């Protein structure tokens, strides 16, 4: 492999690793936000799942940071928890 190709491949791997790191930080941040807001509103996982229209296991995984969330579900969570989607992203520091 020539030097330019090697450099390009290393750059690509670095970009992928950085994207993965940001994604993991985002998932952790959202999980904490969901947990905090559920506690503030005294929400059970079952009740929130029913309002959002997902399985209770989905809420449990989101709270633990074990699952990605779609914008659609995140929007429904925000409505149910009475928080603004924009406020979540304003709080992010990465």
Foldseek 3Di string as FASTA:
>chain_A
DDPVVVVVVVVVVVVVVVVVVVVLVVLQLQLCVLVVLCVVVVHDLCRLCVQLVHDSVVNVCSNVSNDDDDPSSVCSSCVVSVHDPVVSVVPDDD
